[in-house]
Amino acid sequence: MATVLKPSTFSLGQKLWNALSAWTIRASGYQKLGLRREDLYVEEDPGVSEAIRRLPEQEQHLRLYRIKRAIDLSMKHAQLPKEQWTTEAEDIQYLSPYLEQARAELKEKKQWNL
């Protein structure tokens, strides 16, 4: 997911930012429900809904399964066993390539008033 750099190449600000970012991810709890970060994107955004539509069918089904399971766990005030939590290695950006393309196309359509 993230590129590992030698610690000497980080400034103090970068180290603090990385530590805060890691803490925020752990504190949000989505990994404890088996979700990936991009599962949290709001589907009402036109770019996101188009990107989801463009995902391969298998990835769409997996995304929907993760979301349904997380809703079920949330309603039960439960979480997955620790061995089933989403790891950093599993928390890949599966939607970003489609999202960038969809947003670029929507921006171009807006410029052409289509």
C-alpha atoms as a PDB file:
ATOM      1  CA  MET A   1       0.000   0.000   0.000  1.00  0.00           C
ATOM      2  CA  ALA A   2       2.391   2.720   1.164  1.00  0.00           C
ATOM      3  CA  THR A   3       5.994   2.950   0.056  1.00  0.00           C
ATOM      4  CA  VAL A   4       8.437   2.306   2.859  1.00  0.00           C
ATOM      5  CA  LEU A   5      11.214   4.893   3.006  1.00  0.00           C
ATOM      6  CA  LYS A   6      14.274   4.992   5.161  1.00  0.00           C
ATOM      7  CA  PRO A   7      13.477   6.730   8.456  1.00  0.00           C
ATOM      8  CA  SER A   8      16.249   9.263   7.857  1.00  0.00           C
ATOM      9  CA  THR A   9      14.399  10.586   4.781  1.00  0.00           C
ATOM     10  CA  PHE A  10      11.385  11.684   6.861  1.00  0.00           C
ATOM     11  CA  SER A  11      11.175  15.149   8.364  1.00  0.00           C
ATOM     12  CA  LEU A  12       9.672  15.578  11.814  1.00  0.00           C
ATOM     13  CA  GLY A  13       6.451  16.881  10.254  1.00  0.00           C
ATOM     14  CA  GLN A  14       6.188  13.848   7.990  1.00  0.00           C
ATOM     15  CA  LYS A  15       6.757  11.494  10.916  1.00  0.00           C
ATOM     16  CA  LEU A  16       4.039  13.204  12.941  1.00  0.00           C
ATOM     17  CA  TRP A  17       1.662  13.201   9.968  1.00  0.00           C
ATOM     18  CA  ASN A  18       2.274   9.471   9.336  1.00  0.00           C
ATOM     19  CA  ALA A  19       1.734   8.659  13.013  1.00  0.00           C
ATOM     20  CA  LEU A  20      -1.490  10.697  13.103  1.00  0.00           C
ATOM     21  CA  SER A  21      -2.687   9.059   9.884  1.00  0.00           C
ATOM     22  CA  ALA A  22      -2.034   5.550  11.229  1.00  0.00           C
ATOM     23  CA  TRP A  23      -3.787   6.392  14.512  1.00  0.00           C
ATOM     24  CA  THR A  24      -6.813   7.800  12.660  1.00  0.00           C
ATOM     25  CA  ILE A  25      -7.144   4.646  10.560  1.00  0.00           C
ATOM     26  CA  ARG A  26      -6.988   2.411  13.641  1.00  0.00           C
ATOM     27  CA  ALA A  27      -9.393   4.641  15.594  1.00  0.00           C
ATOM     28  CA  SER A  28     -11.994   4.729  12.804  1.00  0.00           C
ATOM     29  CA  GLY A  29     -12.603   1.008  13.257  1.00  0.00           C
ATOM     30  CA  TYR A  30     -13.555   0.159   9.683  1.00  0.00           C
ATOM     31  CA  GLN A  31     -10.860  -2.509   9.539  1.00  0.00           C
ATOM     32  CA  LYS A  32     -12.443  -4.247  12.537  1.00  0.00           C
ATOM     33  CA  LEU A  33     -15.603  -4.654  10.449  1.00  0.00           C
ATOM     34  CA  GLY A  34     -13.716  -6.114   7.488  1.00  0.00           C
ATOM     35  CA  LEU A  35     -14.069  -3.012   5.322  1.00  0.00           C
ATOM     36  CA  ARG A  36     -11.521  -1.390   3.068  1.00  0.00           C
ATOM     37  CA  ARG A  37     -11.003   2.369   3.090  1.00  0.00           C
ATOM     38  CA  GLU A  38     -12.622   2.838  -0.328  1.00  0.00           C
ATOM     39  CA  ASP A  39     -15.727   0.942   0.828  1.00  0.00           C
ATOM     40  CA  LEU A  40     -16.515   4.076   2.866  1.00  0.00           C
ATOM     41  CA  TYR A  41     -16.864   6.355  -0.166  1.00  0.00           C
ATOM     42  CA  VAL A  42     -20.362   7.817  -0.502  1.00  0.00           C
ATOM     43  CA  GLU A  43     -22.174   6.344  -3.501  1.00  0.00           C
ATOM     44  CA  GLU A  44     -24.293   9.475  -3.999  1.00  0.00           C
ATOM     45  CA  ASP A  45     -21.215  11.176  -5.477  1.00  0.00           C
ATOM     46  CA  PRO A  46     -21.647  10.840  -9.277  1.00  0.00           C
ATOM     47  CA  GLY A  47     -17.968   9.979  -9.753  1.00  0.00           C
ATOM     48  CA  VAL A  48     -18.066   7.265  -7.099  1.00  0.00           C
ATOM     49  CA  SER A  49     -21.262   5.683  -8.416  1.00  0.00           C
ATOM     50  CA  GLU A  50     -19.814   5.610 -11.945  1.00  0.00           C
ATOM     51  CA  ALA A  51     -16.531   4.151 -10.667  1.00  0.00           C
ATOM     52  CA  ILE A  52     -18.422   1.407  -8.799  1.00  0.00           C
ATOM     53  CA  ARG A  53     -20.418   0.653 -11.940  1.00  0.00           C
ATOM     54  CA  ARG A  54     -17.137   0.213 -13.852  1.00  0.00           C
ATOM     55  CA  LEU A  55     -15.643  -2.214 -11.332  1.00  0.00           C
ATOM     56  CA  PRO A  56     -15.414  -5.839 -12.453  1.00  0.00           C
ATOM     57  CA  GLU A  57     -18.537  -7.739 -11.388  1.00  0.00           C
ATOM     58  CA  GLN A  58     -16.612  -9.907  -8.899  1.00  0.00           C
ATOM     59  CA  GLU A  59     -15.165  -6.820  -7.168  1.00  0.00           C
ATOM     60  CA  GLN A  60     -18.647  -5.242  -7.019  1.00  0.00           C
ATOM     61  CA  HIS A  61     -19.987  -8.354  -5.299  1.00  0.00           C
ATOM     62  CA  LEU A  62     -17.087  -8.460  -2.825  1.00  0.00           C
ATOM     63  CA  ARG A  63     -17.587  -4.757  -2.000  1.00  0.00           C
ATOM     64  CA  LEU A  64     -21.300  -5.247  -1.435  1.00  0.00           C
ATOM     65  CA  TYR A  65     -20.634  -8.305   0.762  1.00  0.00           C
ATOM     66  CA  ARG A  66     -18.142  -6.352   2.913  1.00  0.00           C
ATOM     67  CA  ILE A  67     -20.615  -3.491   3.342  1.00  0.00           C
ATOM     68  CA  LYS A  68     -23.555  -5.769   4.207  1.00  0.00           C
ATOM     69  CA  ARG A  69     -21.444  -7.705   6.703  1.00  0.00           C
ATOM     70  CA  ALA A  70     -20.261  -4.456   8.313  1.00  0.00           C
ATOM     71  CA  ILE A  71     -23.844  -3.168   8.618  1.00  0.00           C
ATOM     72  CA  ASP A  72     -24.901  -6.457  10.215  1.00  0.00           C
ATOM     73  CA  LEU A  73     -22.002  -6.342  12.690  1.00  0.00           C
ATOM     74  CA  SER A  74     -22.705  -2.708  13.476  1.00  0.00           C
ATOM     75  CA  MET A  75     -26.366  -3.421  14.199  1.00  0.00           C
ATOM     76  CA  LYS A  76     -25.283  -6.196  16.575  1.00  0.00           C
ATOM     77  CA  HIS A  77     -22.665  -3.926  18.223  1.00  0.00           C
ATOM     78  CA  ALA A  78     -20.055  -6.538  17.322  1.00  0.00           C
ATOM     79  CA  GLN A  79     -16.863  -6.801  15.332  1.00  0.00           C
ATOM     80  CA  LEU A  80     -15.036  -9.538  13.482  1.00  0.00           C
ATOM     81  CA  PRO A  81     -12.525 -11.780  15.244  1.00  0.00           C
ATOM     82  CA  LYS A  82      -9.092 -10.146  15.100  1.00  0.00           C
ATOM     83  CA  GLU A  83      -7.776 -12.642  12.518  1.00  0.00           C
ATOM     84  CA  GLN A  84     -10.517 -11.485  10.101  1.00  0.00           C
ATOM     85  CA  TRP A  85      -9.840  -7.739  10.411  1.00  0.00           C
ATOM     86  CA  THR A  86      -8.689  -6.000   7.242  1.00  0.00           C
ATOM     87  CA  THR A  87      -4.918  -5.727   7.297  1.00  0.00           C
ATOM     88  CA  GLU A  88      -2.905  -2.887   5.790  1.00  0.00           C
ATOM     89  CA  ALA A  89      -1.827  -5.228   2.989  1.00  0.00           C
ATOM     90  CA  GLU A  90      -5.465  -6.062   2.173  1.00  0.00           C
ATOM     91  CA  ASP A  91      -6.590  -2.422   2.322  1.00  0.00           C
ATOM     92  CA  ILE A  92      -5.705  -1.735  -1.300  1.00  0.00           C
ATOM     93  CA  GLN A  93      -7.018   1.045  -3.500  1.00  0.00           C
ATOM     94  CA  TYR A  94      -9.290  -0.944  -5.775  1.00  0.00           C
ATOM     95  CA  LEU A  95     -11.630   1.916  -6.718  1.00  0.00           C
ATOM     96  CA  SER A  96      -9.190   4.799  -7.257  1.00  0.00           C
ATOM     97  CA  PRO A  97      -8.213   4.068 -10.888  1.00  0.00           C
ATOM     98  CA  TYR A  98     -11.870   3.928 -11.917  1.00  0.00           C
ATOM     99  CA  LEU A  99     -12.722   6.945  -9.769  1.00  0.00           C
ATOM    100  CA  GLU A 100     -10.016   9.150 -11.293  1.00  0.00           C
ATOM    101  CA  GLN A 101     -11.153   8.250 -14.789  1.00  0.00           C
ATOM    102  CA  ALA A 102     -14.857   8.784 -14.016  1.00  0.00           C
ATOM    103  CA  ARG A 103     -14.241  12.165 -12.368  1.00  0.00           C
ATOM    104  CA  ALA A 104     -12.078  13.292 -15.283  1.00  0.00           C
ATOM    105  CA  GLU A 105     -14.827  12.329 -17.722  1.00  0.00           C
ATOM    106  CA  LEU A 106     -17.491  14.102 -15.640  1.00  0.00           C
ATOM    107  CA  LYS A 107     -15.313  17.215 -15.500  1.00  0.00           C
ATOM    108  CA  GLU A 108     -14.855  17.122 -19.263  1.00  0.00           C
ATOM    109  CA  LYS A 109     -18.622  16.698 -19.796  1.00  0.00           C
ATOM    110  CA  LYS A 110     -19.237  19.693 -17.548  1.00  0.00           C
ATOM    111  CA  GLN A 111     -16.752  21.779 -19.544  1.00  0.00           C
ATOM    112  CA  TRP A 112     -18.564  20.860 -22.754  1.00  0.00           C
ATOM    113  CA  ASN A 113     -21.969  21.383 -21.083  1.00  0.00           C
ATOM    114  CA  LEU A 114     -23.184  17.904 -22.002  1.00  0.00           C
END
